Amino acid sequence: MYPPPAPLRDLRSAIRLTAAVGLVLALVLAGTGLGLWFNYRPTAPTVGVPRLRTIHRAASSLLVLDAVAFLVLVVVDSRRRWPRGVWAVVTVLALAYTGSLLP
């Protein structure tokens, strides 16, 4: 009925922002991952691949930071929704770890 207080609205806006940034970073990772996959040569890097690899690595690091920020914001916002943040962090950390194992 009544609008939530201003700090709560700001917190929920921050949660939406971190989720949107995470989605954009995931799309960047998917695009650069496909580019790396199709341009993979076991002998030597092809032209443009080092730039793709750098973008992919930076997006991965930013996604991990974004997932941790999302977890913190969700825990501060509401105690009953914190498993959503934990799930996001565990998934992102697992993907980052398995991605670091690839050549």
N, C-alpha and C. Protein backbone atom coordinates (compact mmCIF):
# COMPACT_ATOMS: atom_id res chain seq x y z
N MET A 1 0.81 -1.18 0.00
CA MET A 1 0.00 0.00 0.00
C MET A 1 0.86 1.25 0.00
N TYR A 2 1.74 1.36 0.99
CA TYR A 2 2.59 2.54 1.07
C TYR A 2 3.92 2.25 0.40
N PRO A 3 4.53 3.25 -0.20
CA PRO A 3 5.85 2.99 -0.81
C PRO A 3 6.88 2.71 0.28
N PRO A 4 7.87 1.86 -0.03
CA PRO A 4 8.88 1.57 0.99
C PRO A 4 9.71 2.81 1.29
N PRO A 5 10.36 2.84 2.45
CA PRO A 5 11.20 3.99 2.79
C PRO A 5 12.32 4.18 1.78
N ALA A 6 12.85 5.38 1.71
CA ALA A 6 13.86 5.72 0.71
C ALA A 6 15.11 4.84 0.77
N PRO A 7 15.69 4.54 1.94
CA PRO A 7 16.89 3.68 1.92
C PRO A 7 16.61 2.30 1.36
N LEU A 8 15.42 1.76 1.64
CA LEU A 8 15.07 0.45 1.13
C LEU A 8 14.90 0.48 -0.39
N ARG A 9 14.31 1.56 -0.91
CA ARG A 9 14.18 1.70 -2.36
C ARG A 9 15.55 1.81 -3.01
N ASP A 10 16.46 2.56 -2.39
CA ASP A 10 17.81 2.70 -2.94
C ASP A 10 18.54 1.37 -2.92
N LEU A 11 18.35 0.59 -1.86
CA LEU A 11 18.98 -0.71 -1.76
C LEU A 11 18.46 -1.66 -2.85
N ARG A 12 17.17 -1.64 -3.05
CA ARG A 12 16.60 -2.51 -4.10
C ARG A 12 17.02 -2.06 -5.49
N SER A 13 17.18 -0.77 -5.67
CA SER A 13 17.70 -0.27 -6.95
C SER A 13 19.14 -0.72 -7.16
N ALA A 14 19.92 -0.73 -6.09
CA ALA A 14 21.30 -1.20 -6.18
C ALA A 14 21.34 -2.69 -6.51
N ILE A 15 20.42 -3.46 -5.95
CA ILE A 15 20.35 -4.89 -6.26
C ILE A 15 20.02 -5.09 -7.73
N ARG A 16 19.06 -4.33 -8.22
CA ARG A 16 18.70 -4.43 -9.65
C ARG A 16 19.87 -4.03 -10.54
N LEU A 17 20.61 -3.01 -10.12
CA LEU A 17 21.76 -2.56 -10.90
C LEU A 17 22.85 -3.63 -10.94
N THR A 18 23.15 -4.24 -9.79
CA THR A 18 24.18 -5.29 -9.80
C THR A 18 23.73 -6.50 -10.62
N ALA A 19 22.44 -6.81 -10.59
CA ALA A 19 21.94 -7.91 -11.41
C ALA A 19 22.05 -7.57 -12.90
N ALA A 20 21.75 -6.33 -13.26
CA ALA A 20 21.85 -5.93 -14.67
C ALA A 20 23.31 -5.91 -15.14
N VAL A 21 24.20 -5.42 -14.29
CA VAL A 21 25.63 -5.43 -14.64
C VAL A 21 26.12 -6.86 -14.79
N GLY A 22 25.67 -7.75 -13.91
CA GLY A 22 26.04 -9.16 -14.01
C GLY A 22 25.54 -9.79 -15.30
N LEU A 23 24.34 -9.44 -15.70
CA LEU A 23 23.81 -9.97 -16.96
C LEU A 23 24.62 -9.47 -18.15
N VAL A 24 24.96 -8.19 -18.16
CA VAL A 24 25.78 -7.64 -19.25
C VAL A 24 27.15 -8.31 -19.29
N LEU A 25 27.75 -8.49 -18.12
CA LEU A 25 29.06 -9.16 -18.08
C LEU A 25 28.97 -10.61 -18.53
N ALA A 26 27.88 -11.28 -18.17
CA ALA A 26 27.70 -12.67 -18.63
C ALA A 26 27.56 -12.73 -20.15
N LEU A 27 26.87 -11.76 -20.73
CA LEU A 27 26.75 -11.72 -22.19
C LEU A 27 28.10 -11.43 -22.85
N VAL A 28 28.89 -10.53 -22.24
CA VAL A 28 30.23 -10.26 -22.76
C VAL A 28 31.08 -11.52 -22.68
N LEU A 29 30.98 -12.24 -21.57
CA LEU A 29 31.74 -13.48 -21.43
C LEU A 29 31.31 -14.53 -22.45
N ALA A 30 30.01 -14.61 -22.70
CA ALA A 30 29.53 -15.57 -23.70
C ALA A 30 30.05 -15.21 -25.09
N GLY A 31 30.01 -13.93 -25.42
CA GLY A 31 30.48 -13.50 -26.74
C GLY A 31 31.97 -13.70 -26.92
N THR A 32 32.76 -13.29 -25.93
CA THR A 32 34.20 -13.46 -26.06
C THR A 32 34.59 -14.93 -25.95
N GLY A 33 33.85 -15.69 -25.17
CA GLY A 33 34.11 -17.12 -25.07
C GLY A 33 33.88 -17.83 -26.40
N LEU A 34 32.81 -17.45 -27.09
CA LEU A 34 32.57 -18.03 -28.42
C LEU A 34 33.67 -17.62 -29.40
N GLY A 35 34.09 -16.37 -29.32
CA GLY A 35 35.18 -15.91 -30.18
C GLY A 35 36.46 -16.67 -29.92
N LEU A 36 36.76 -16.90 -28.65
CA LEU A 36 37.96 -17.67 -28.31
C LEU A 36 37.83 -19.12 -28.74
N TRP A 37 36.65 -19.65 -28.63
CA TRP A 37 36.43 -21.05 -28.99
C TRP A 37 36.63 -21.25 -30.49
N PHE A 38 36.05 -20.38 -31.29
CA PHE A 38 36.15 -20.55 -32.74
C PHE A 38 37.53 -20.18 -33.29
N ASN A 39 38.29 -19.36 -32.56
CA ASN A 39 39.62 -18.97 -33.02
C ASN A 39 40.74 -19.74 -32.35
N TYR A 40 40.42 -20.81 -31.64
CA TYR A 40 41.46 -21.56 -30.93
C TYR A 40 42.35 -22.32 -31.90
N ARG A 41 43.64 -22.13 -31.74
CA ARG A 41 44.65 -22.89 -32.48
C ARG A 41 45.64 -23.40 -31.45
N PRO A 42 45.92 -24.69 -31.40
CA PRO A 42 46.80 -25.21 -30.37
C PRO A 42 48.26 -24.78 -30.50
N THR A 43 48.65 -24.27 -31.65
CA THR A 43 50.06 -23.94 -31.85
C THR A 43 50.39 -22.51 -31.46
N ALA A 44 49.75 -21.54 -32.05
CA ALA A 44 50.09 -20.14 -31.79
C ALA A 44 48.82 -19.29 -31.79
N PRO A 45 48.82 -18.20 -31.02
CA PRO A 45 47.63 -17.33 -31.03
C PRO A 45 47.45 -16.64 -32.37
N THR A 46 46.22 -16.56 -32.79
CA THR A 46 45.92 -15.89 -34.05
C THR A 46 45.73 -14.41 -33.81
N VAL A 47 45.61 -13.65 -34.86
CA VAL A 47 45.48 -12.19 -34.75
C VAL A 47 44.18 -11.85 -34.03
N GLY A 48 44.26 -10.97 -33.06
CA GLY A 48 43.08 -10.52 -32.33
C GLY A 48 42.73 -11.36 -31.13
N VAL A 49 43.27 -12.56 -31.02
CA VAL A 49 42.92 -13.43 -29.90
C VAL A 49 43.45 -12.91 -28.56
N PRO A 50 44.67 -12.36 -28.49
CA PRO A 50 45.09 -11.82 -27.19
C PRO A 50 44.16 -10.72 -26.65
N ARG A 51 43.63 -9.91 -27.52
CA ARG A 51 42.69 -8.87 -27.09
C ARG A 51 41.40 -9.51 -26.56
N LEU A 52 40.90 -10.52 -27.26
CA LEU A 52 39.71 -11.23 -26.79
C LEU A 52 39.97 -11.87 -25.44
N ARG A 53 41.14 -12.48 -25.29
CA ARG A 53 41.47 -13.14 -24.04
C ARG A 53 41.53 -12.13 -22.89
N THR A 54 42.09 -10.95 -23.15
CA THR A 54 42.17 -9.92 -22.12
C THR A 54 40.77 -9.43 -21.72
N ILE A 55 39.91 -9.21 -22.69
CA ILE A 55 38.54 -8.79 -22.40
C ILE A 55 37.81 -9.88 -21.62
N HIS A 56 38.01 -11.12 -22.00
CA HIS A 56 37.36 -12.24 -21.34
C HIS A 56 37.81 -12.35 -19.88
N ARG A 57 39.10 -12.22 -19.66
CA ARG A 57 39.64 -12.31 -18.30
C ARG A 57 39.15 -11.14 -17.43
N ALA A 58 39.14 -9.94 -17.99
CA ALA A 58 38.68 -8.77 -17.23
C ALA A 58 37.19 -8.89 -16.90
N ALA A 59 36.40 -9.34 -17.86
CA ALA A 59 34.96 -9.50 -17.61
C ALA A 59 34.71 -10.56 -16.55
N SER A 60 35.53 -11.61 -16.54
CA SER A 60 35.38 -12.65 -15.53
C SER A 60 35.68 -12.10 -14.14
N SER A 61 36.74 -11.33 -14.01
CA SER A 61 37.09 -10.74 -12.71
C SER A 61 36.00 -9.78 -12.24
N LEU A 62 35.49 -8.98 -13.15
CA LEU A 62 34.43 -8.04 -12.79
C LEU A 62 33.14 -8.76 -12.41
N LEU A 63 32.86 -9.89 -13.06
CA LEU A 63 31.66 -10.65 -12.72
C LEU A 63 31.77 -11.25 -11.32
N VAL A 64 32.95 -11.69 -10.94
CA VAL A 64 33.14 -12.21 -9.58
C VAL A 64 32.89 -11.10 -8.56
N LEU A 65 33.46 -9.92 -8.80
CA LEU A 65 33.23 -8.79 -7.89
C LEU A 65 31.76 -8.40 -7.85
N ASP A 66 31.11 -8.42 -9.00
CA ASP A 66 29.68 -8.08 -9.07
C ASP A 66 28.84 -9.09 -8.29
N ALA A 67 29.18 -10.37 -8.38
CA ALA A 67 28.42 -11.40 -7.66
C ALA A 67 28.59 -11.24 -6.15
N VAL A 68 29.78 -10.90 -5.71
CA VAL A 68 29.99 -10.67 -4.27
C VAL A 68 29.21 -9.44 -3.81
N ALA A 69 29.22 -8.38 -4.61
CA ALA A 69 28.43 -7.18 -4.27
C ALA A 69 26.94 -7.52 -4.22
N PHE A 70 26.48 -8.35 -5.16
CA PHE A 70 25.07 -8.77 -5.17
C PHE A 70 24.74 -9.54 -3.90
N LEU A 71 25.65 -10.44 -3.48
CA LEU A 71 25.42 -11.20 -2.25
C LEU A 71 25.31 -10.28 -1.05
N VAL A 72 26.21 -9.33 -0.94
CA VAL A 72 26.19 -8.41 0.20
C VAL A 72 24.89 -7.61 0.21
N LEU A 73 24.48 -7.10 -0.94
CA LEU A 73 23.25 -6.31 -1.00
C LEU A 73 22.01 -7.13 -0.68
N VAL A 74 21.96 -8.37 -1.15
CA VAL A 74 20.80 -9.21 -0.88
C VAL A 74 20.73 -9.58 0.59
N VAL A 75 21.88 -9.86 1.20
CA VAL A 75 21.88 -10.19 2.63
C VAL A 75 21.45 -8.98 3.46
N VAL A 76 21.91 -7.80 3.08
CA VAL A 76 21.52 -6.59 3.82
C VAL A 76 20.03 -6.29 3.62
N ASP A 77 19.52 -6.54 2.43
CA ASP A 77 18.13 -6.21 2.12
C ASP A 77 17.14 -7.09 2.87
N SER A 78 17.34 -8.39 2.81
CA SER A 78 16.34 -9.28 3.38
C SER A 78 16.98 -10.60 3.79
N ARG A 79 16.62 -11.08 4.92
CA ARG A 79 17.22 -12.32 5.41
C ARG A 79 16.66 -13.56 4.70
N ARG A 80 15.48 -13.50 4.19
CA ARG A 80 14.89 -14.70 3.61
C ARG A 80 15.31 -14.94 2.16
N ARG A 81 15.91 -13.93 1.51
CA ARG A 81 16.32 -14.10 0.12
C ARG A 81 17.81 -14.30 -0.05
N TRP A 82 18.57 -14.48 1.04
CA TRP A 82 20.01 -14.59 0.92
C TRP A 82 20.47 -15.83 0.15
N PRO A 83 19.72 -16.95 0.11
CA PRO A 83 20.21 -18.08 -0.71
C PRO A 83 20.39 -17.73 -2.18
N ARG A 84 19.62 -16.77 -2.68
CA ARG A 84 19.75 -16.34 -4.07
C ARG A 84 21.14 -15.73 -4.29
N GLY A 85 21.61 -14.94 -3.37
CA GLY A 85 22.94 -14.35 -3.48
C GLY A 85 24.05 -15.37 -3.33
N VAL A 86 23.86 -16.31 -2.42
CA VAL A 86 24.86 -17.37 -2.24
C VAL A 86 24.93 -18.22 -3.50
N TRP A 87 23.79 -18.54 -4.08
CA TRP A 87 23.77 -19.32 -5.31
C TRP A 87 24.52 -18.60 -6.42
N ALA A 88 24.32 -17.31 -6.53
CA ALA A 88 24.99 -16.52 -7.57
C ALA A 88 26.51 -16.54 -7.36
N VAL A 89 26.96 -16.34 -6.13
CA VAL A 89 28.40 -16.31 -5.87
C VAL A 89 29.02 -17.67 -6.10
N VAL A 90 28.39 -18.73 -5.63
CA VAL A 90 28.94 -20.08 -5.81
C VAL A 90 29.02 -20.43 -7.29
N THR A 91 27.99 -20.11 -8.04
CA THR A 91 27.98 -20.41 -9.47
C THR A 91 29.08 -19.62 -10.20
N VAL A 92 29.19 -18.34 -9.91
CA VAL A 92 30.20 -17.51 -10.59
C VAL A 92 31.60 -17.96 -10.21
N LEU A 93 31.83 -18.27 -8.93
CA LEU A 93 33.16 -18.74 -8.52
C LEU A 93 33.50 -20.08 -9.16
N ALA A 94 32.52 -20.98 -9.27
CA ALA A 94 32.77 -22.27 -9.92
C ALA A 94 33.10 -22.08 -11.39
N LEU A 95 32.37 -21.21 -12.07
CA LEU A 95 32.65 -20.95 -13.48
C LEU A 95 34.01 -20.27 -13.66
N ALA A 96 34.36 -19.36 -12.77
CA ALA A 96 35.66 -18.68 -12.86
C ALA A 96 36.79 -19.67 -12.63
N TYR A 97 36.61 -20.58 -11.68
CA TYR A 97 37.65 -21.57 -11.40
C TYR A 97 37.84 -22.53 -12.57
N THR A 98 36.74 -23.05 -13.09
CA THR A 98 36.88 -23.99 -14.21
C THR A 98 37.39 -23.27 -15.45
N GLY A 99 37.05 -22.01 -15.63
CA GLY A 99 37.56 -21.24 -16.75
C GLY A 99 39.05 -20.99 -16.63
N SER A 100 39.53 -20.83 -15.39
CA SER A 100 40.97 -20.61 -15.22
C SER A 100 41.78 -21.87 -15.49
N LEU A 101 41.15 -23.03 -15.47
CA LEU A 101 41.85 -24.28 -15.75
C LEU A 101 42.06 -24.50 -17.24
N LEU A 102 41.29 -23.80 -18.07
CA LEU A 102 41.43 -23.97 -19.51
C LEU A 102 42.69 -23.26 -19.99
N PRO A 103 43.23 -23.68 -21.16
CA PRO A 103 44.45 -23.04 -21.64
C PRO A 103 44.24 -21.60 -22.07
